[in-house]
Every structure is written in C-alpha cells, then in structure tokens.
Amino acid sequence: MTGETTLKEVIARLGRAIEGLENAVATKLESERDYSEAEAEVQRLNADRSRLAQELDNSEARAERLEDANKEVSRRLVTAMETIRAVLDR
C-alpha cells in the first residue's frame, strides 16, 4: 500500500504543479495582452501628439501672419488719416 500511496501522492503533486504552471502561463499571457494593448495606446497617443503639435505649429504660423497683416492695416490707416488731416487743413 505504501507504494500506491506514494504514487498517488506523486501524481497529486504533479497535478498541482501542472495546475500551477497553467495558472502562471495564463497570468503571463494576460500580462502580455495587457502590455500589447498599452503599447498600442501609447502609439495612438504619440500619433495624436504629433498631429496636435503640427496643428499648433500651423495655428501659430497663421496667428503670426494675421498679426503682421493687422500691423500693416494699422499702418495704412494711420497714413490715410494723416493724409486726410493734411487735405482738410489746407
């Protein structure tokens, strides 16, 4: 009987070891899947960041052009007002 008991114990231990291994593999696979999802999200965020940076650069360039145009219009208005004053003062 001790031989059978020992064999049963060994088989039970082997079963527990296999079960533990299966759980470890499942945990590892889940972890890798989570990592893959996180990596994909980081790539999406980087793409969004690049797109937003480009949009910001474009907006800043447009704002600068508008500011330059505003200064030119202001300068022309001042010149026109001075010309009108000079004509009226004659």
PDB file of N, CA and C in Angstrom:
ATOM      1  N   MET A   1       0.798  -1.189   0.000  1.00  0.00           N
ATOM      2  CA  MET A   1       0.000   0.000   0.000  1.00  0.00           C
ATOM      3  C   MET A   1       0.848   1.264   0.000  1.00  0.00           C
ATOM      4  N   THR A   2       2.004   1.251   0.613  1.00  0.00           N
ATOM      5  CA  THR A   2       2.813   2.465   0.656  1.00  0.00           C
ATOM      6  C   THR A   2       3.259   2.868  -0.733  1.00  0.00           C
ATOM      7  N   GLY A   3       3.493   1.885  -1.592  1.00  0.00           N
ATOM      8  CA  GLY A   3       3.868   2.185  -2.972  1.00  0.00           C
ATOM      9  C   GLY A   3       2.746   2.906  -3.692  1.00  0.00           C
ATOM     10  N   GLU A   4       1.511   2.463  -3.496  1.00  0.00           N
ATOM     11  CA  GLU A   4       0.356   3.113  -4.107  1.00  0.00           C
ATOM     12  C   GLU A   4       0.139   4.493  -3.520  1.00  0.00           C
ATOM     13  N   THR A   5       0.270   4.608  -2.231  1.00  0.00           N
ATOM     14  CA  THR A   5       0.095   5.897  -1.579  1.00  0.00           C
ATOM     15  C   THR A   5       1.140   6.879  -2.090  1.00  0.00           C
ATOM     16  N   THR A   6       2.359   6.447  -2.189  1.00  0.00           N
ATOM     17  CA  THR A   6       3.428   7.307  -2.685  1.00  0.00           C
ATOM     18  C   THR A   6       3.158   7.697  -4.131  1.00  0.00           C
ATOM     19  N   LEU A   7       2.709   6.744  -4.942  1.00  0.00           N
ATOM     20  CA  LEU A   7       2.409   7.034  -6.344  1.00  0.00           C
ATOM     21  C   LEU A   7       1.249   8.020  -6.443  1.00  0.00           C
ATOM     22  N   LYS A   8       0.225   7.815  -5.626  1.00  0.00           N
ATOM     23  CA  LYS A   8      -0.909   8.742  -5.622  1.00  0.00           C
ATOM     24  C   LYS A   8      -0.464  10.136  -5.187  1.00  0.00           C
ATOM     25  N   GLU A   9       0.403  10.177  -4.178  1.00  0.00           N
ATOM     26  CA  GLU A   9       0.900  11.479  -3.720  1.00  0.00           C
ATOM     27  C   GLU A   9       1.711  12.169  -4.815  1.00  0.00           C
ATOM     28  N   VAL A  10       2.533  11.405  -5.497  1.00  0.00           N
ATOM     29  CA  VAL A  10       3.356  11.964  -6.574  1.00  0.00           C
ATOM     30  C   VAL A  10       2.467  12.472  -7.704  1.00  0.00           C
ATOM     31  N   ILE A  11       1.456  11.679  -8.060  1.00  0.00           N
ATOM     32  CA  ILE A  11       0.534  12.089  -9.126  1.00  0.00           C
ATOM     33  C   ILE A  11      -0.232  13.345  -8.700  1.00  0.00           C
ATOM     34  N   ALA A  12      -0.652  13.405  -7.443  1.00  0.00           N
ATOM     35  CA  ALA A  12      -1.359  14.585  -6.935  1.00  0.00           C
ATOM     36  C   ALA A  12      -0.443  15.801  -6.970  1.00  0.00           C
ATOM     37  N   ARG A  13       0.809  15.634  -6.530  1.00  0.00           N
ATOM     38  CA  ARG A  13       1.771  16.738  -6.565  1.00  0.00           C
ATOM     39  C   ARG A  13       2.024  17.195  -7.998  1.00  0.00           C
ATOM     40  N   LEU A  14       2.142  16.221  -8.899  1.00  0.00           N
ATOM     41  CA  LEU A  14       2.340  16.546 -10.312  1.00  0.00           C
ATOM     42  C   LEU A  14       1.134  17.323 -10.849  1.00  0.00           C
ATOM     43  N   GLY A  15      -0.056  16.888 -10.470  1.00  0.00           N
ATOM     44  CA  GLY A  15      -1.284  17.585 -10.887  1.00  0.00           C
ATOM     45  C   GLY A  15      -1.300  19.016 -10.383  1.00  0.00           C
ATOM     46  N   ARG A  16      -0.922  19.212  -9.120  1.00  0.00           N
ATOM     47  CA  ARG A  16      -0.879  20.571  -8.549  1.00  0.00           C
ATOM     48  C   ARG A  16       0.190  21.416  -9.242  1.00  0.00           C
ATOM     49  N   ALA A  17       1.312  20.797  -9.548  1.00  0.00           N
ATOM     50  CA  ALA A  17       2.391  21.514 -10.232  1.00  0.00           C
ATOM     51  C   ALA A  17       1.942  21.935 -11.634  1.00  0.00           C
ATOM     52  N   ILE A  18       1.270  21.037 -12.345  1.00  0.00           N
ATOM     53  CA  ILE A  18       0.774  21.362 -13.688  1.00  0.00           C
ATOM     54  C   ILE A  18      -0.271  22.470 -13.600  1.00  0.00           C
ATOM     55  N   GLU A  19      -1.144  22.380 -12.622  1.00  0.00           N
ATOM     56  CA  GLU A  19      -2.160  23.410 -12.420  1.00  0.00           C
ATOM     57  C   GLU A  19      -1.499  24.763 -12.130  1.00  0.00           C
ATOM     58  N   GLY A  20      -0.476  24.745 -11.297  1.00  0.00           N
ATOM     59  CA  GLY A  20       0.256  25.983 -11.001  1.00  0.00           C
ATOM     60  C   GLY A  20       0.927  26.542 -12.243  1.00  0.00           C
ATOM     61  N   LEU A  21       1.490  25.656 -13.050  1.00  0.00           N
ATOM     62  CA  LEU A  21       2.129  26.074 -14.298  1.00  0.00           C
ATOM     63  C   LEU A  21       1.094  26.671 -15.257  1.00  0.00           C
ATOM     64  N   GLU A  22      -0.062  26.029 -15.369  1.00  0.00           N
ATOM     65  CA  GLU A  22      -1.121  26.544 -16.231  1.00  0.00           C
ATOM     66  C   GLU A  22      -1.569  27.932 -15.769  1.00  0.00           C
ATOM     67  N   ASN A  23      -1.705  28.106 -14.446  1.00  0.00           N
ATOM     68  CA  ASN A  23      -2.086  29.415 -13.913  1.00  0.00           C
ATOM     69  C   ASN A  23      -1.021  30.464 -14.204  1.00  0.00           C
ATOM     70  N   ALA A  24       0.243  30.079 -14.067  1.00  0.00           N
ATOM     71  CA  ALA A  24       1.337  31.010 -14.347  1.00  0.00           C
ATOM     72  C   ALA A  24       1.352  31.403 -15.816  1.00  0.00           C
ATOM     73  N   VAL A  25       1.132  30.425 -16.703  1.00  0.00           N
ATOM     74  CA  VAL A  25       1.100  30.713 -18.139  1.00  0.00           C
ATOM     75  C   VAL A  25      -0.076  31.633 -18.463  1.00  0.00           C
ATOM     76  N   ALA A  26      -1.245  31.350 -17.889  1.00  0.00           N
ATOM     77  CA  ALA A  26      -2.422  32.191 -18.131  1.00  0.00           C
ATOM     78  C   ALA A  26      -2.167  33.617 -17.659  1.00  0.00           C
ATOM     79  N   THR A  27      -1.556  33.752 -16.489  1.00  0.00           N
ATOM     80  CA  THR A  27      -1.240  35.083 -15.964  1.00  0.00           C
ATOM     81  C   THR A  27      -0.264  35.800 -16.879  1.00  0.00           C
ATOM     82  N   LYS A  28       0.742  35.083 -17.356  1.00  0.00           N
ATOM     83  CA  LYS A  28       1.746  35.666 -18.253  1.00  0.00           C
ATOM     84  C   LYS A  28       1.106  36.104 -19.561  1.00  0.00           C
ATOM     85  N   LEU A  29       0.235  35.281 -20.128  1.00  0.00           N
ATOM     86  CA  LEU A  29      -0.435  35.626 -21.379  1.00  0.00           C
ATOM     87  C   LEU A  29      -1.323  36.860 -21.198  1.00  0.00           C
ATOM     88  N   GLU A  30      -2.032  36.919 -20.094  1.00  0.00           N
ATOM     89  CA  GLU A  30      -2.879  38.079 -19.813  1.00  0.00           C
ATOM     90  C   GLU A  30      -2.026  39.339 -19.659  1.00  0.00           C
ATOM     91  N   SER A  31      -0.904  39.194 -18.979  1.00  0.00           N
ATOM     92  CA  SER A  31       0.006  40.322 -18.806  1.00  0.00           C
ATOM     93  C   SER A  31       0.543  40.807 -20.147  1.00  0.00           C
ATOM     94  N   GLU A  32       0.916  39.884 -21.019  1.00  0.00           N
ATOM     95  CA  GLU A  32       1.417  40.255 -22.340  1.00  0.00           C
ATOM     96  C   GLU A  32       0.333  40.920 -23.174  1.00  0.00           C
ATOM     97  N   ARG A  33      -0.903  40.438 -23.059  1.00  0.00           N
ATOM     98  CA  ARG A  33      -2.010  41.050 -23.789  1.00  0.00           C
ATOM     99  C   ARG A  33      -2.236  42.470 -23.285  1.00  0.00           C
ATOM    100  N   ASP A  34      -2.204  42.650 -21.961  1.00  0.00           N
ATOM    101  CA  ASP A  34      -2.351  43.988 -21.394  1.00  0.00           C
ATOM    102  C   ASP A  34      -1.223  44.894 -21.863  1.00  0.00           C
ATOM    103  N   TYR A  35      -0.008  44.363 -21.924  1.00  0.00           N
ATOM    104  CA  TYR A  35       1.142  45.139 -22.378  1.00  0.00           C
ATOM    105  C   TYR A  35       0.964  45.545 -23.840  1.00  0.00           C
ATOM    106  N   SER A  36       0.486  44.617 -24.663  1.00  0.00           N
ATOM    107  CA  SER A  36       0.265  44.908 -26.079  1.00  0.00           C
ATOM    108  C   SER A  36      -0.781  46.001 -26.243  1.00  0.00           C
ATOM    109  N   GLU A  37      -1.846  45.926 -25.448  1.00  0.00           N
ATOM    110  CA  GLU A  37      -2.891  46.949 -25.510  1.00  0.00           C
ATOM    111  C   GLU A  37      -2.336  48.304 -25.062  1.00  0.00           C
ATOM    112  N   ALA A  38      -1.523  48.296 -24.021  1.00  0.00           N
ATOM    113  CA  ALA A  38      -0.928  49.545 -23.535  1.00  0.00           C
ATOM    114  C   ALA A  38       0.026  50.116 -24.583  1.00  0.00           C
ATOM    115  N   GLU A  39       0.786  49.251 -25.219  1.00  0.00           N
ATOM    116  CA  GLU A  39       1.717  49.703 -26.254  1.00  0.00           C
ATOM    117  C   GLU A  39       0.960  50.310 -27.434  1.00  0.00           C
ATOM    118  N   ALA A  40      -0.139  49.690 -27.824  1.00  0.00           N
ATOM    119  CA  ALA A  40      -0.958  50.227 -28.915  1.00  0.00           C
ATOM    120  C   ALA A  40      -1.526  51.590 -28.520  1.00  0.00           C
ATOM    121  N   GLU A  41      -1.949  51.724 -27.277  1.00  0.00           N
ATOM    122  CA  GLU A  41      -2.486  53.005 -26.799  1.00  0.00           C
ATOM    123  C   GLU A  41      -1.403  54.076 -26.801  1.00  0.00           C
ATOM    124  N   VAL A  42      -0.192  53.721 -26.415  1.00  0.00           N
ATOM    125  CA  VAL A  42       0.920  54.677 -26.439  1.00  0.00           C
ATOM    126  C   VAL A  42       1.185  55.123 -27.876  1.00  0.00           C
ATOM    127  N   GLN A  43       1.135  54.201 -28.816  1.00  0.00           N
ATOM    128  CA  GLN A  43       1.340  54.561 -30.218  1.00  0.00           C
ATOM    129  C   GLN A  43       0.248  55.508 -30.709  1.00  0.00           C
ATOM    130  N   ARG A  44      -1.009  55.245 -30.306  1.00  0.00           N
ATOM    131  CA  ARG A  44      -2.106  56.143 -30.690  1.00  0.00           C
ATOM    132  C   ARG A  44      -1.900  57.521 -30.072  1.00  0.00           C
ATOM    133  N   LEU A  45      -1.484  57.557 -28.807  1.00  0.00           N
ATOM    134  CA  LEU A  45      -1.248  58.836 -28.148  1.00  0.00           C
ATOM    135  C   LEU A  45      -0.107  59.602 -28.806  1.00  0.00           C
ATOM    136  N   ASN A  46       0.946  58.902 -29.203  1.00  0.00           N
ATOM    137  CA  ASN A  46       2.058  59.557 -29.895  1.00  0.00           C
ATOM    138  C   ASN A  46       1.614  60.120 -31.240  1.00  0.00           C
ATOM    139  N   ALA A  47       0.781  59.373 -31.953  1.00  0.00           N
ATOM    140  CA  ALA A  47       0.262  59.865 -33.239  1.00  0.00           C
ATOM    141  C   ALA A  47      -0.594  61.108 -33.015  1.00  0.00           C
ATOM    142  N   ASP A  48      -1.453  61.075 -31.990  1.00  0.00           N
ATOM    143  CA  ASP A  48      -2.273  62.243 -31.661  1.00  0.00           C
ATOM    144  C   ASP A  48      -1.401  63.428 -31.281  1.00  0.00           C
ATOM    145  N   ARG A  49      -0.368  63.170 -30.494  1.00  0.00           N
ATOM    146  CA  ARG A  49       0.532  64.226 -30.064  1.00  0.00           C
ATOM    147  C   ARG A  49       1.216  64.870 -31.265  1.00  0.00           C
ATOM    148  N   SER A  50       1.670  64.055 -32.206  1.00  0.00           N
ATOM    149  CA  SER A  50       2.322  64.585 -33.404  1.00  0.00           C
ATOM    150  C   SER A  50       1.345  65.425 -34.225  1.00  0.00           C
ATOM    151  N   ARG A  51       0.126  64.915 -34.370  1.00  0.00           N
ATOM    152  CA  ARG A  51      -0.891  65.650 -35.132  1.00  0.00           C
ATOM    153  C   ARG A  51      -1.210  66.977 -34.456  1.00  0.00           C
ATOM    154  N   LEU A  52      -1.380  66.945 -33.145  1.00  0.00           N
ATOM    155  CA  LEU A  52      -1.688  68.173 -32.416  1.00  0.00           C
ATOM    156  C   LEU A  52      -0.536  69.167 -32.454  1.00  0.00           C
ATOM    157  N   ALA A  53       0.692  68.664 -32.398  1.00  0.00           N
ATOM    158  CA  ALA A  53       1.862  69.548 -32.488  1.00  0.00           C
ATOM    159  C   ALA A  53       1.896  70.230 -33.851  1.00  0.00           C
ATOM    160  N   GLN A  54       1.587  69.481 -34.911  1.00  0.00           N
ATOM    161  CA  GLN A  54       1.556  70.058 -36.253  1.00  0.00           C
ATOM    162  C   GLN A  54       0.455  71.107 -36.364  1.00  0.00           C
ATOM    163  N   GLU A  55      -0.722  70.807 -35.812  1.00  0.00           N
ATOM    164  CA  GLU A  55      -1.818  71.769 -35.830  1.00  0.00           C
ATOM    165  C   GLU A  55      -1.449  73.030 -35.052  1.00  0.00           C
ATOM    166  N   LEU A  56      -0.779  72.857 -33.919  1.00  0.00           N
ATOM    167  CA  LEU A  56      -0.342  74.007 -33.127  1.00  0.00           C
ATOM    168  C   LEU A  56       0.645  74.862 -33.918  1.00  0.00           C
ATOM    169  N   ASP A  57       1.609  74.219 -34.565  1.00  0.00           N
ATOM    170  CA  ASP A  57       2.578  74.955 -35.384  1.00  0.00           C
ATOM    171  C   ASP A  57       1.868  75.735 -36.488  1.00  0.00           C
ATOM    172  N   ASN A  58       0.904  75.089 -37.149  1.00  0.00           N
ATOM    173  CA  ASN A  58       0.150  75.758 -38.215  1.00  0.00           C
ATOM    174  C   ASN A  58      -0.643  76.947 -37.666  1.00  0.00           C
ATOM    175  N   SER A  59      -1.254  76.755 -36.504  1.00  0.00           N
ATOM    176  CA  SER A  59      -2.040  77.833 -35.891  1.00  0.00           C
ATOM    177  C   SER A  59      -1.150  79.001 -35.477  1.00  0.00           C
ATOM    178  N   GLU A  60       0.018  78.696 -34.944  1.00  0.00           N
ATOM    179  CA  GLU A  60       0.945  79.765 -34.552  1.00  0.00           C
ATOM    180  C   GLU A  60       1.425  80.534 -35.775  1.00  0.00           C
ATOM    181  N   ALA A  61       1.701  79.823 -36.865  1.00  0.00           N
ATOM    182  CA  ALA A  61       2.134  80.486 -38.096  1.00  0.00           C
ATOM    183  C   ALA A  61       1.017  81.379 -38.637  1.00  0.00           C
ATOM    184  N   ARG A  62      -0.213  80.890 -38.595  1.00  0.00           N
ATOM    185  CA  ARG A  62      -1.358  81.682 -39.066  1.00  0.00           C
ATOM    186  C   ARG A  62      -1.553  82.903 -38.186  1.00  0.00           C
ATOM    187  N   ALA A  63      -1.437  82.730 -36.879  1.00  0.00           N
ATOM    188  CA  ALA A  63      -1.582  83.862 -35.959  1.00  0.00           C
ATOM    189  C   ALA A  63      -0.518  84.914 -36.234  1.00  0.00           C
ATOM    190  N   GLU A  64       0.685  84.479 -36.537  1.00  0.00           N
ATOM    191  CA  GLU A  64       1.768  85.417 -36.850  1.00  0.00           C
ATOM    192  C   GLU A  64       1.470  86.181 -38.143  1.00  0.00           C
ATOM    193  N   ARG A  65       0.967  85.460 -39.152  1.00  0.00           N
ATOM    194  CA  ARG A  65       0.599  86.130 -40.410  1.00  0.00           C
ATOM    195  C   ARG A  65      -0.523  87.142 -40.180  1.00  0.00           C
ATOM    196  N   LEU A  66      -1.514  86.768 -39.374  1.00  0.00           N
ATOM    197  CA  LEU A  66      -2.614  87.687 -39.077  1.00  0.00           C
ATOM    198  C   LEU A  66      -2.120  88.913 -38.315  1.00  0.00           C
ATOM    199  N   GLU A  67      -1.205  88.696 -37.400  1.00  0.00           N
ATOM    200  CA  GLU A  67      -0.642  89.813 -36.645  1.00  0.00           C
ATOM    201  C   GLU A  67       0.112  90.761 -37.578  1.00  0.00           C
ATOM    202  N   ASP A  68       0.885  90.210 -38.497  1.00  0.00           N
ATOM    203  CA  ASP A  68       1.607  91.036 -39.468  1.00  0.00           C
ATOM    204  C   ASP A  68       0.623  91.813 -40.342  1.00  0.00           C
ATOM    205  N   ALA A  69      -0.438  91.138 -40.793  1.00  0.00           N
ATOM    206  CA  ALA A  69      -1.453  91.810 -41.615  1.00  0.00           C
ATOM    207  C   ALA A  69      -2.134  92.913 -40.818  1.00  0.00           C
ATOM    208  N   ASN A  70      -2.408  92.649 -39.554  1.00  0.00           N
ATOM    209  CA  ASN A  70      -3.041  93.651 -38.689  1.00  0.00           C
ATOM    210  C   ASN A  70      -2.145  94.886 -38.548  1.00  0.00           C
ATOM    211  N   LYS A  71      -0.856  94.661 -38.362  1.00  0.00           N
ATOM    212  CA  LYS A  71       0.084  95.784 -38.248  1.00  0.00           C
ATOM    213  C   LYS A  71       0.122  96.594 -39.543  1.00  0.00           C
ATOM    214  N   GLU A  72       0.099  95.899 -40.675  1.00  0.00           N
ATOM    215  CA  GLU A  72       0.123  96.594 -41.965  1.00  0.00           C
ATOM    216  C   GLU A  72      -1.143  97.413 -42.164  1.00  0.00           C
ATOM    217  N   VAL A  73      -2.296  96.838 -41.833  1.00  0.00           N
ATOM    218  CA  VAL A  73      -3.564  97.569 -41.947  1.00  0.00           C
ATOM    219  C   VAL A  73      -3.548  98.784 -41.026  1.00  0.00           C
ATOM    220  N   SER A  74      -3.071  98.619 -39.818  1.00  0.00           N
ATOM    221  CA  SER A  74      -2.988  99.730 -38.870  1.00  0.00           C
ATOM    222  C   SER A  74      -2.086 100.838 -39.416  1.00  0.00           C
ATOM    223  N   ARG A  75      -0.940 100.447 -39.963  1.00  0.00           N
ATOM    224  CA  ARG A  75      -0.014 101.437 -40.531  1.00  0.00           C
ATOM    225  C   ARG A  75      -0.673 102.193 -41.674  1.00  0.00           C
ATOM    226  N   ARG A  76      -1.389 101.468 -42.535  1.00  0.00           N
ATOM    227  CA  ARG A  76      -2.062 102.117 -43.669  1.00  0.00           C
ATOM    228  C   ARG A  76      -3.179 103.050 -43.202  1.00  0.00           C
ATOM    229  N   LEU A  77      -3.899 102.645 -42.159  1.00  0.00           N
ATOM    230  CA  LEU A  77      -4.952 103.517 -41.626  1.00  0.00           C
ATOM    231  C   LEU A  77      -4.364 104.812 -41.071  1.00  0.00           C
ATOM    232  N   VAL A  78      -3.265 104.692 -40.356  1.00  0.00           N
ATOM    233  CA  VAL A  78      -2.609 105.886 -39.811  1.00  0.00           C
ATOM    234  C   VAL A  78      -2.175 106.809 -40.954  1.00  0.00           C
ATOM    235  N   THR A  79      -1.603 106.224 -41.991  1.00  0.00           N
ATOM    236  CA  THR A  79      -1.167 107.013 -43.155  1.00  0.00           C
ATOM    237  C   THR A  79      -2.361 107.695 -43.813  1.00  0.00           C
ATOM    238  N   ALA A  80      -3.465 106.961 -43.979  1.00  0.00           N
ATOM    239  CA  ALA A  80      -4.670 107.530 -44.593  1.00  0.00           C
ATOM    240  C   ALA A  80      -5.234 108.651 -43.742  1.00  0.00           C
ATOM    241  N   MET A  81      -5.274 108.468 -42.423  1.00  0.00           N
ATOM    242  CA  MET A  81      -5.790 109.516 -41.533  1.00  0.00           C
ATOM    243  C   MET A  81      -4.916 110.765 -41.606  1.00  0.00           C
ATOM    244  N   GLU A  82      -3.615 110.575 -41.646  1.00  0.00           N
ATOM    245  CA  GLU A  82      -2.706 111.720 -41.742  1.00  0.00           C
ATOM    246  C   GLU A  82      -2.891 112.456 -43.068  1.00  0.00           C
ATOM    247  N   THR A  83      -3.104 111.703 -44.130  1.00  0.00           N
ATOM    248  CA  THR A  83      -3.333 112.327 -45.435  1.00  0.00           C
ATOM    249  C   THR A  83      -4.641 113.109 -45.430  1.00  0.00           C
ATOM    250  N   ILE A  84      -5.676 112.552 -44.849  1.00  0.00           N
ATOM    251  CA  ILE A  84      -6.979 113.241 -44.766  1.00  0.00           C
ATOM    252  C   ILE A  84      -6.852 114.509 -43.955  1.00  0.00           C
ATOM    253  N   ARG A  85      -6.151 114.461 -42.815  1.00  0.00           N
ATOM    254  CA  ARG A  85      -5.929 115.655 -41.986  1.00  0.00           C
ATOM    255  C   ARG A  85      -5.186 116.731 -42.771  1.00  0.00           C
ATOM    256  N   ALA A  86      -4.165 116.298 -43.509  1.00  0.00           N
ATOM    257  CA  ALA A  86      -3.390 117.269 -44.278  1.00  0.00           C
ATOM    258  C   ALA A  86      -4.249 117.933 -45.331  1.00  0.00           C
ATOM    259  N   VAL A  87      -5.130 117.165 -45.978  1.00  0.00           N
ATOM    260  CA  VAL A  87      -6.018 117.726 -47.012  1.00  0.00           C
ATOM    261  C   VAL A  87      -7.004 118.677 -46.348  1.00  0.00           C
ATOM    262  N   LEU A  88      -7.566 118.306 -45.195  1.00  0.00           N
ATOM    263  CA  LEU A  88      -8.551 119.146 -44.508  1.00  0.00           C
ATOM    264  C   LEU A  88      -7.927 120.426 -43.961  1.00  0.00           C
ATOM    265  N   ASP A  89      -6.681 120.370 -43.588  1.00  0.00           N
ATOM    266  CA  ASP A  89      -6.004 121.538 -43.024  1.00  0.00           C
ATOM    267  C   ASP A  89      -5.653 122.578 -44.084  1.00  0.00           C
ATOM    268  N   ARG A  90      -5.741 122.291 -45.330  1.00  0.00           N
ATOM    269  CA  ARG A  90      -5.363 123.240 -46.378  1.00  0.00           C
ATOM    270  C   ARG A  90      -6.345 124.311 -46.571  1.00  0.00           C
TER     271      ARG A  90
END
